[in-house]
N, C-alpha and C. Protein backbone atom coordinates (compact mmCIF):
# COMPACT_ATOMS: atom_id res chain seq x y z
N UNK A 1 0.68 -1.11 -0.07
CA UNK A 1 0.03 -0.03 0.11
C UNK A 1 0.87 1.33 0.12
N UNK A 2 2.26 1.26 0.68
CA UNK A 2 2.84 2.31 0.63
C UNK A 2 3.54 2.80 -0.47
N UNK A 3 3.67 1.30 -1.23
CA UNK A 3 4.41 1.69 -2.64
C UNK A 3 3.52 2.45 -3.75
N UNK A 4 2.05 2.13 -3.38
CA UNK A 4 1.26 2.70 -4.38
C UNK A 4 1.18 4.32 -4.23
N UNK A 5 1.31 4.52 -2.80
CA UNK A 5 1.01 6.07 -2.49
C UNK A 5 2.41 6.86 -3.13
N UNK A 6 3.35 6.41 -2.93
CA UNK A 6 4.74 6.61 -3.45
C UNK A 6 4.76 6.88 -4.97
N UNK A 7 4.37 5.73 -5.71
CA UNK A 7 4.09 5.87 -7.24
C UNK A 7 2.98 6.98 -7.63
N UNK A 8 2.08 6.94 -6.91
CA UNK A 8 1.10 8.12 -7.10
C UNK A 8 1.53 9.41 -6.93
N UNK A 9 2.63 9.63 -5.93
CA UNK A 9 2.92 10.93 -5.65
C UNK A 9 4.03 11.31 -6.70
N UNK A 10 4.96 10.47 -7.18
CA UNK A 10 5.70 10.58 -8.22
C UNK A 10 4.98 10.87 -9.31
N UNK A 11 3.98 10.22 -9.72
CA UNK A 11 3.19 10.60 -11.04
C UNK A 11 2.40 11.78 -11.08
N UNK A 12 2.10 12.20 -9.86
CA UNK A 12 1.59 13.92 -9.71
C UNK A 12 2.58 14.83 -9.75
N UNK A 13 3.67 14.49 -9.30
CA UNK A 13 5.10 15.43 -9.39
C UNK A 13 5.48 15.60 -10.81
N UNK A 14 5.58 14.37 -11.46
CA UNK A 14 6.06 14.55 -12.83
C UNK A 14 4.91 15.12 -13.89
N UNK A 15 3.71 14.79 -13.49
CA UNK A 15 2.75 15.68 -14.22
C UNK A 15 2.76 17.12 -13.99
N UNK A 16 2.84 17.41 -12.77
CA UNK A 16 2.73 18.94 -12.48
C UNK A 16 4.06 19.49 -12.93
N UNK A 17 5.24 18.78 -13.00
CA UNK A 17 6.53 19.44 -13.33
C UNK A 17 6.58 19.56 -15.01
N UNK A 18 6.01 18.57 -15.81
CA UNK A 18 5.81 18.47 -17.19
C UNK A 18 4.92 19.62 -17.58
N UNK A 19 3.92 19.82 -16.87
CA UNK A 19 2.68 21.15 -17.29
C UNK A 19 3.63 22.44 -16.93
N UNK A 20 4.20 22.66 -15.83
CA UNK A 20 4.93 23.98 -15.65
C UNK A 20 5.91 24.02 -16.60
N UNK A 21 6.78 23.29 -16.95
CA UNK A 21 7.98 23.33 -17.96
C UNK A 21 7.34 23.55 -19.23
N UNK A 22 6.28 23.06 -19.50
CA UNK A 22 5.80 23.09 -21.03
C UNK A 22 5.01 24.52 -21.09
N UNK A 23 4.73 25.01 -20.08
CA UNK A 23 3.97 26.14 -19.99
C UNK A 23 4.81 27.45 -19.72
N UNK A 24 5.48 28.28 -20.26
CA UNK A 24 6.41 29.27 -19.65
C UNK A 24 5.55 30.45 -19.04
N UNK A 25 4.42 30.63 -19.07
CA UNK A 25 3.70 31.62 -18.40
C UNK A 25 3.54 31.02 -17.17
N UNK A 26 2.85 29.71 -17.05
CA UNK A 26 2.84 29.23 -15.73
C UNK A 26 3.98 29.20 -14.85
N UNK A 27 5.14 28.74 -15.46
CA UNK A 27 6.33 28.73 -14.88
C UNK A 27 6.69 30.08 -14.29
N UNK A 28 6.55 31.16 -15.07
CA UNK A 28 6.83 32.55 -14.58
C UNK A 28 5.81 32.70 -13.44
N UNK A 29 4.67 32.65 -13.62
CA UNK A 29 3.44 32.71 -12.58
C UNK A 29 3.99 32.26 -11.16
N UNK A 30 4.50 30.94 -11.28
CA UNK A 30 5.04 30.28 -9.94
C UNK A 30 6.18 30.86 -9.35
N UNK A 31 7.12 31.32 -10.39
CA UNK A 31 7.98 32.07 -10.03
C UNK A 31 7.96 33.27 -9.18
N UNK A 32 7.16 34.01 -9.81
CA UNK A 32 6.68 35.50 -9.30
C UNK A 32 5.88 35.24 -8.17
N UNK A 33 5.20 34.18 -7.81
CA UNK A 33 4.51 34.05 -6.61
C UNK A 33 5.45 33.79 -5.26
N UNK A 34 6.48 32.96 -5.72
CA UNK A 34 7.56 32.45 -4.67
C UNK A 34 8.52 34.11 -4.68
N UNK A 35 8.71 34.85 -5.58
CA UNK A 35 9.40 35.91 -5.58
C UNK A 35 8.81 37.00 -4.61
N UNK A 36 7.60 36.89 -4.29
CA UNK A 36 6.94 37.89 -3.63
C UNK A 36 7.52 37.62 -2.01
N UNK A 37 7.82 36.39 -1.74
CA UNK A 37 8.27 36.18 -0.38
C UNK A 37 9.86 36.95 -0.11
N UNK A 38 10.41 37.12 -1.10
CA UNK A 38 11.61 37.81 -0.63
C UNK A 38 11.84 39.19 -1.50
N UNK A 39 10.96 39.87 -1.94
CA UNK A 39 11.03 41.18 -2.63
C UNK A 39 12.26 42.02 -2.29
N UNK A 40 12.97 42.45 -3.07
CA UNK A 40 14.31 43.25 -2.70
C UNK A 40 14.25 44.75 -3.43
N UNK A 41 14.87 45.41 -2.79
CA UNK A 41 14.92 46.77 -3.57
C UNK A 41 16.37 47.22 -3.17
N UNK A 42 17.45 46.64 -3.84
CA UNK A 42 18.62 47.13 -3.62
C UNK A 42 19.03 48.52 -4.32
N UNK A 43 19.91 49.32 -3.53
CA UNK A 43 20.06 50.51 -4.02
C UNK A 43 21.23 50.60 -5.08
N UNK A 44 21.20 51.51 -5.64
CA UNK A 44 22.20 51.99 -6.60
C UNK A 44 22.78 53.09 -6.10
N UNK A 45 24.01 53.28 -5.78
CA UNK A 45 24.71 54.35 -4.97
C UNK A 45 25.94 54.77 -5.92
N UNK A 46 25.93 56.21 -6.18
CA UNK A 46 27.03 56.70 -6.63
C UNK A 46 27.46 58.09 -6.04
N UNK A 47 28.37 58.40 -5.42
CA UNK A 47 28.69 59.66 -4.81
C UNK A 47 27.66 59.79 -3.68
N UNK A 48 27.04 61.09 -3.63
CA UNK A 48 26.04 61.24 -2.50
C UNK A 48 24.77 60.84 -2.86
N UNK A 49 24.37 60.21 -4.22
CA UNK A 49 23.19 59.89 -4.55
C UNK A 49 22.84 58.35 -4.44
N UNK A 50 21.56 58.07 -3.86
CA UNK A 50 21.13 56.81 -3.60
C UNK A 50 19.79 56.52 -4.36
N UNK A 51 19.88 55.55 -5.26
CA UNK A 51 18.50 55.38 -6.08
C UNK A 51 18.00 54.11 -5.59
N UNK A 52 16.77 53.92 -5.64
CA UNK A 52 16.12 52.68 -5.16
C UNK A 52 14.88 52.47 -5.96
N UNK A 53 14.86 51.23 -6.70
CA UNK A 53 13.50 50.87 -7.45
C UNK A 53 13.06 49.54 -7.00
N UNK A 54 11.76 49.44 -6.89
CA UNK A 54 11.21 48.19 -6.57
C UNK A 54 9.77 47.95 -7.17
N UNK A 55 9.02 46.77 -6.97
CA UNK A 55 7.91 46.71 -7.28
C UNK A 55 6.78 46.62 -6.33
N UNK A 56 5.50 47.12 -6.57
CA UNK A 56 4.48 47.15 -5.54
C UNK A 56 2.91 46.94 -6.16
N UNK A 57 2.48 46.25 -5.38
CA UNK A 57 0.95 45.77 -5.84
C UNK A 57 -0.24 46.69 -5.09
N UNK A 58 -0.22 47.90 -4.99
CA UNK A 58 -0.95 48.71 -4.24
C UNK A 58 -2.25 48.93 -5.38
N UNK A 59 -1.85 48.83 -6.53
CA UNK A 59 -3.00 49.12 -7.61
C UNK A 59 -3.96 48.15 -8.10
N UNK A 60 -3.44 46.75 -7.74
CA UNK A 60 -4.12 45.82 -8.36
C UNK A 60 -3.13 44.89 -8.96
N UNK A 61 -2.17 45.67 -9.82
CA UNK A 61 -1.08 44.87 -10.50
C UNK A 61 0.10 45.40 -10.09
N UNK A 62 1.13 44.66 -10.35
CA UNK A 62 2.53 44.97 -10.07
C UNK A 62 3.03 46.22 -10.78
N UNK A 63 3.62 47.52 -10.20
CA UNK A 63 4.14 48.46 -10.74
C UNK A 63 5.54 48.53 -10.27
N UNK A 64 6.49 49.04 -10.86
CA UNK A 64 7.77 49.77 -10.62
C UNK A 64 7.77 51.10 -10.08
N UNK A 65 8.49 51.03 -8.81
CA UNK A 65 8.30 52.43 -8.27
C UNK A 65 10.05 52.60 -8.07
N UNK A 66 10.26 54.07 -8.10
CA UNK A 66 11.34 54.69 -8.33
C UNK A 66 11.48 55.96 -7.07
N UNK A 67 12.60 55.79 -6.26
CA UNK A 67 12.79 57.09 -5.39
C UNK A 67 14.43 57.53 -5.51
N UNK A 68 14.54 58.74 -5.42
CA UNK A 68 15.96 59.07 -5.32
C UNK A 68 16.41 60.21 -4.08
N UNK A 69 17.89 59.84 -3.75
CA UNK A 69 18.02 60.88 -2.72
C UNK A 69 19.36 61.36 -3.14
N UNK A 70 19.69 62.62 -2.85
CA UNK A 70 20.88 63.23 -3.26
C UNK A 70 21.70 63.68 -1.90
N UNK A 71 21.30 63.04 -0.89
CA UNK A 71 21.99 63.45 0.41
C UNK A 71 22.28 62.10 1.24
N UNK A 72 22.98 61.12 0.46
CA UNK A 72 23.41 59.86 1.01
C UNK A 72 22.05 59.03 1.81
N UNK A 73 21.11 59.33 1.26
CA UNK A 73 20.08 58.66 1.93
C UNK A 73 19.25 58.99 3.08
N UNK A 74 19.60 60.20 3.36
CA UNK A 74 19.01 60.97 4.56
C UNK A 74 17.52 61.32 4.19
N UNK A 75 17.43 61.87 2.96
CA UNK A 75 16.03 62.03 2.62
C UNK A 75 15.77 61.62 1.19
N UNK A 76 14.57 61.33 0.91
CA UNK A 76 14.23 60.90 -0.60
C UNK A 76 13.11 61.88 -1.21
N UNK A 77 13.15 61.79 -2.73
CA UNK A 77 12.22 62.62 -3.06
C UNK A 77 10.92 61.72 -3.50
N UNK A 78 10.03 62.33 -4.22
CA UNK A 78 8.55 61.63 -4.34
C UNK A 78 8.86 60.50 -5.06
N UNK A 79 8.10 59.32 -4.82
CA UNK A 79 7.99 58.21 -5.47
C UNK A 79 7.30 58.21 -6.79
N UNK A 80 8.27 57.83 -7.82
CA UNK A 80 7.66 57.82 -9.38
C UNK A 80 7.29 56.34 -9.79
N UNK A 81 6.09 56.51 -10.33
CA UNK A 81 5.64 55.22 -11.03
C UNK A 81 6.36 54.97 -12.51
N UNK A 82 7.22 54.11 -12.64
CA UNK A 82 7.94 53.96 -13.82
C UNK A 82 7.35 53.11 -14.80
N UNK A 83 6.72 52.16 -14.33
CA UNK A 83 5.83 51.34 -15.48
C UNK A 83 4.69 51.80 -15.91
N UNK A 84 3.77 52.09 -14.68
CA UNK A 84 2.53 52.59 -15.21
C UNK A 84 1.61 52.00 -16.02
N UNK A 85 1.77 50.37 -15.97
CA UNK A 85 0.87 49.65 -16.93
C UNK A 85 -0.53 49.12 -16.17
N UNK A 86 -1.51 48.97 -17.15
CA UNK A 86 -2.66 48.44 -16.68
C UNK A 86 -2.98 46.97 -17.34
N UNK A 87 -2.10 46.70 -18.12
CA UNK A 87 -2.38 45.33 -18.80
C UNK A 87 -1.22 44.28 -18.64
N UNK A 88 -0.37 44.75 -17.82
CA UNK A 88 0.63 43.73 -17.30
C UNK A 88 1.27 44.07 -15.84
N UNK A 89 1.79 43.02 -15.38
CA UNK A 89 2.52 42.88 -14.01
C UNK A 89 3.95 43.28 -14.44
N UNK A 90 4.51 44.34 -13.64
CA UNK A 90 5.96 45.00 -13.70
C UNK A 90 6.31 44.51 -12.55
N UNK A 91 7.66 43.44 -12.61
CA UNK A 91 8.21 42.82 -11.57
C UNK A 91 9.75 42.80 -11.95
N UNK A 92 10.44 42.12 -11.01
CA UNK A 92 11.94 41.68 -11.26
C UNK A 92 12.76 42.84 -11.50
N UNK A 93 12.72 44.01 -10.90
CA UNK A 93 13.26 45.08 -10.84
C UNK A 93 14.98 45.21 -10.59
N UNK A 94 15.72 45.62 -11.55
CA UNK A 94 17.07 45.93 -11.34
C UNK A 94 17.31 47.39 -11.47
N UNK A 95 18.50 47.87 -10.89
CA UNK A 95 18.87 49.36 -11.08
C UNK A 95 20.31 49.19 -11.06
N UNK A 96 20.86 50.26 -11.93
CA UNK A 96 22.26 50.83 -11.84
C UNK A 96 22.34 52.23 -12.09
N UNK A 97 23.52 52.75 -11.45
CA UNK A 97 23.53 54.24 -11.66
C UNK A 97 25.12 54.36 -11.85
N UNK A 98 25.56 55.46 -12.51
CA UNK A 98 26.85 56.14 -12.59
C UNK A 98 26.70 57.69 -12.74
N UNK A 99 26.90 58.39 -11.58
CA UNK A 99 26.85 59.78 -11.60
C UNK A 99 25.26 60.03 -11.67
N UNK A 100 24.90 60.99 -12.62
CA UNK A 100 23.54 61.32 -12.62
C UNK A 100 22.58 60.17 -13.68
N UNK A 101 23.38 59.41 -14.10
CA UNK A 101 22.62 58.42 -15.14
C UNK A 101 22.21 57.22 -14.26
N UNK A 102 20.97 56.90 -14.60
CA UNK A 102 19.96 55.87 -13.84
C UNK A 102 19.37 55.00 -14.89
N UNK A 103 19.71 53.57 -14.76
CA UNK A 103 18.90 52.80 -15.56
C UNK A 103 18.04 51.75 -14.86
N UNK A 104 16.83 51.64 -15.12
CA UNK A 104 16.13 50.59 -14.52
C UNK A 104 15.52 49.74 -15.26
N UNK A 105 15.66 48.56 -14.96
CA UNK A 105 15.02 47.30 -15.88
C UNK A 105 14.15 46.58 -15.00
N UNK A 106 13.32 45.85 -15.85
CA UNK A 106 12.33 44.97 -15.23
C UNK A 106 11.57 44.27 -16.46
N UNK A 107 10.58 43.40 -15.64
CA UNK A 107 9.83 42.52 -16.91
C UNK A 107 8.45 42.92 -16.70
N UNK A 108 7.83 42.87 -17.95
CA UNK A 108 6.51 43.13 -18.02
C UNK A 108 5.74 41.72 -18.71
N UNK A 109 4.87 41.44 -17.50
CA UNK A 109 4.68 40.22 -17.71
C UNK A 109 2.83 40.30 -17.90
N UNK A 110 2.20 39.35 -19.06
CA UNK A 110 0.98 39.26 -18.98
C UNK A 110 0.54 37.61 -19.44
N UNK A 111 -0.77 37.48 -19.64
CA UNK A 111 -1.06 36.25 -20.08
C UNK A 111 -0.39 35.45 -21.22
N UNK A 112 0.35 36.34 -22.27
CA UNK A 112 0.90 36.13 -23.39
C UNK A 112 2.42 36.39 -23.51
N UNK A 113 2.85 37.16 -22.70
CA UNK A 113 4.33 37.45 -23.00
C UNK A 113 4.90 37.97 -21.54
N UNK A 114 6.28 37.89 -21.60
CA UNK A 114 7.17 38.13 -20.51
C UNK A 114 8.47 38.94 -21.10
N UNK A 115 8.41 40.24 -20.95
CA UNK A 115 8.93 41.08 -22.11
C UNK A 115 9.96 41.79 -20.76
N UNK A 116 11.44 41.90 -21.11
CA UNK A 116 12.29 42.73 -20.40
C UNK A 116 12.17 44.08 -20.95
N UNK A 117 11.99 45.17 -20.18
CA UNK A 117 12.17 46.70 -20.49
C UNK A 117 13.04 47.44 -19.72
N UNK A 118 13.25 48.60 -20.09
CA UNK A 118 14.04 49.53 -19.29
C UNK A 118 13.52 51.03 -19.56
N UNK A 119 13.89 51.76 -18.53
CA UNK A 119 13.71 53.30 -18.71
C UNK A 119 15.13 53.74 -18.27
N UNK A 120 15.63 55.05 -18.89
CA UNK A 120 16.95 55.58 -18.56
C UNK A 120 16.72 57.05 -18.12
N UNK A 121 17.50 57.37 -17.18
CA UNK A 121 17.32 58.85 -16.66
C UNK A 121 18.86 59.33 -16.83
N UNK A 122 18.74 60.63 -17.37
CA UNK A 122 20.15 61.22 -17.36
C UNK A 122 20.48 62.30 -16.42
N UNK A 123 19.39 62.48 -15.70
CA UNK A 123 19.39 63.79 -14.81
C UNK A 123 19.16 63.40 -13.23
N UNK A 124 19.78 62.28 -12.96
CA UNK A 124 19.73 61.68 -11.48
C UNK A 124 18.22 61.35 -11.12
N UNK A 125 17.39 60.84 -11.84
CA UNK A 125 16.28 60.55 -11.58
C UNK A 125 14.94 61.29 -11.62
N UNK A 126 15.27 62.56 -11.99
CA UNK A 126 14.11 63.69 -12.06
C UNK A 126 13.18 63.25 -13.21
N UNK A 127 13.63 62.86 -14.30
CA UNK A 127 12.71 62.44 -15.34
C UNK A 127 13.45 61.21 -15.96
N UNK A 128 12.75 60.54 -16.75
CA UNK A 128 12.85 59.18 -17.26
C UNK A 128 12.55 59.13 -18.62
N UNK A 129 13.27 58.70 -19.67
CA UNK A 129 12.73 58.50 -20.98
C UNK A 129 11.90 57.56 -21.22
N UNK A 130 11.64 57.30 -22.52
CA UNK A 130 10.59 56.31 -22.88
C UNK A 130 10.75 54.78 -22.54
N UNK A 131 9.81 54.19 -22.29
CA UNK A 131 9.87 52.42 -22.11
C UNK A 131 10.50 52.02 -23.32
N UNK A 132 11.65 51.34 -23.22
CA UNK A 132 12.35 50.67 -24.14
C UNK A 132 12.00 49.16 -23.90
N UNK A 133 11.63 48.41 -24.94
CA UNK A 133 11.45 46.98 -24.98
C UNK A 133 12.68 46.08 -25.43
N UNK A 134 13.15 45.72 -24.58
CA UNK A 134 14.69 45.08 -24.96
C UNK A 134 14.48 43.92 -25.79
N UNK A 135 13.56 43.01 -25.56
CA UNK A 135 13.19 41.99 -26.69
C UNK A 135 13.01 42.36 -28.29
N UNK A 136 12.79 43.70 -28.49
CA UNK A 136 12.32 43.98 -29.58
C UNK A 136 13.74 43.95 -30.44
N UNK A 137 13.50 43.44 -31.77
CA UNK A 137 14.55 43.29 -32.78
C UNK A 137 14.92 44.78 -33.32
N UNK A 138 15.97 44.97 -33.73
CA UNK A 138 16.30 46.36 -34.45
C UNK A 138 16.88 47.25 -33.35
N UNK A 139 17.13 48.48 -33.71
CA UNK A 139 17.86 49.44 -32.91
C UNK A 139 16.66 49.90 -31.80
N UNK A 140 17.40 50.28 -30.68
CA UNK A 140 16.51 50.62 -29.69
C UNK A 140 17.07 52.03 -29.19
N UNK A 141 15.94 52.89 -29.13
CA UNK A 141 16.48 54.34 -28.65
C UNK A 141 15.22 55.19 -28.39
N UNK A 142 15.43 56.25 -28.17
CA UNK A 142 14.25 57.38 -27.87
C UNK A 142 13.70 57.76 -29.22
N UNK A 143 14.40 57.80 -30.36
CA UNK A 143 13.88 58.10 -31.51
C UNK A 143 14.37 59.53 -31.70
N UNK A 144 15.23 59.90 -31.00
CA UNK A 144 16.04 61.36 -31.12
C UNK A 144 17.43 60.94 -31.46
N UNK A 145 18.06 62.06 -32.01
CA UNK A 145 19.40 61.63 -32.57
C UNK A 145 20.45 62.32 -31.50
N UNK A 146 20.20 61.53 -30.33
CA UNK A 146 21.06 61.58 -29.12
C UNK A 146 21.17 60.30 -28.58
N UNK A 147 22.35 59.89 -27.85
CA UNK A 147 22.60 58.76 -27.17
C UNK A 147 21.69 58.77 -25.83
N UNK A 148 21.39 57.40 -25.41
CA UNK A 148 20.67 57.23 -24.16
C UNK A 148 21.53 57.94 -22.98
N UNK A 149 22.90 57.78 -23.07
CA UNK A 149 23.67 58.25 -21.86
C UNK A 149 24.64 59.01 -22.60
N UNK A 150 25.09 60.05 -21.69
CA UNK A 150 26.20 60.98 -22.35
C UNK A 150 27.13 60.30 -22.35
């Protein structure tokens, strides 16, 4: 009788693992739910500037938020919603900075896609350029004849 329970358990695990690995969106959903348990917001620090980006679900879907400090983290400016999407969850945020240049990347996920995106600031996080979809083929840019970073 114990052998039957073990075999049944193995069959259930194999069936579940096959379904999850064969369905990327399900696999991501399982990852995202586990991710919630250890959300992180590592800062990017350059000089006296401290930049932080994270994702939050206060609006019913995950959004990427950003804040900047120019006094070594003593105070922070207003929160900025970088993703501001209604048709996708924005998660898995990463941030990097050098001087006043800040790059924030994240993933936009809905039922049919999981797309890496980014926004760039060249003024210490006061403003950000357009959303750039990193998985798109061809040249990425702002459409203007200037580089993303100086």
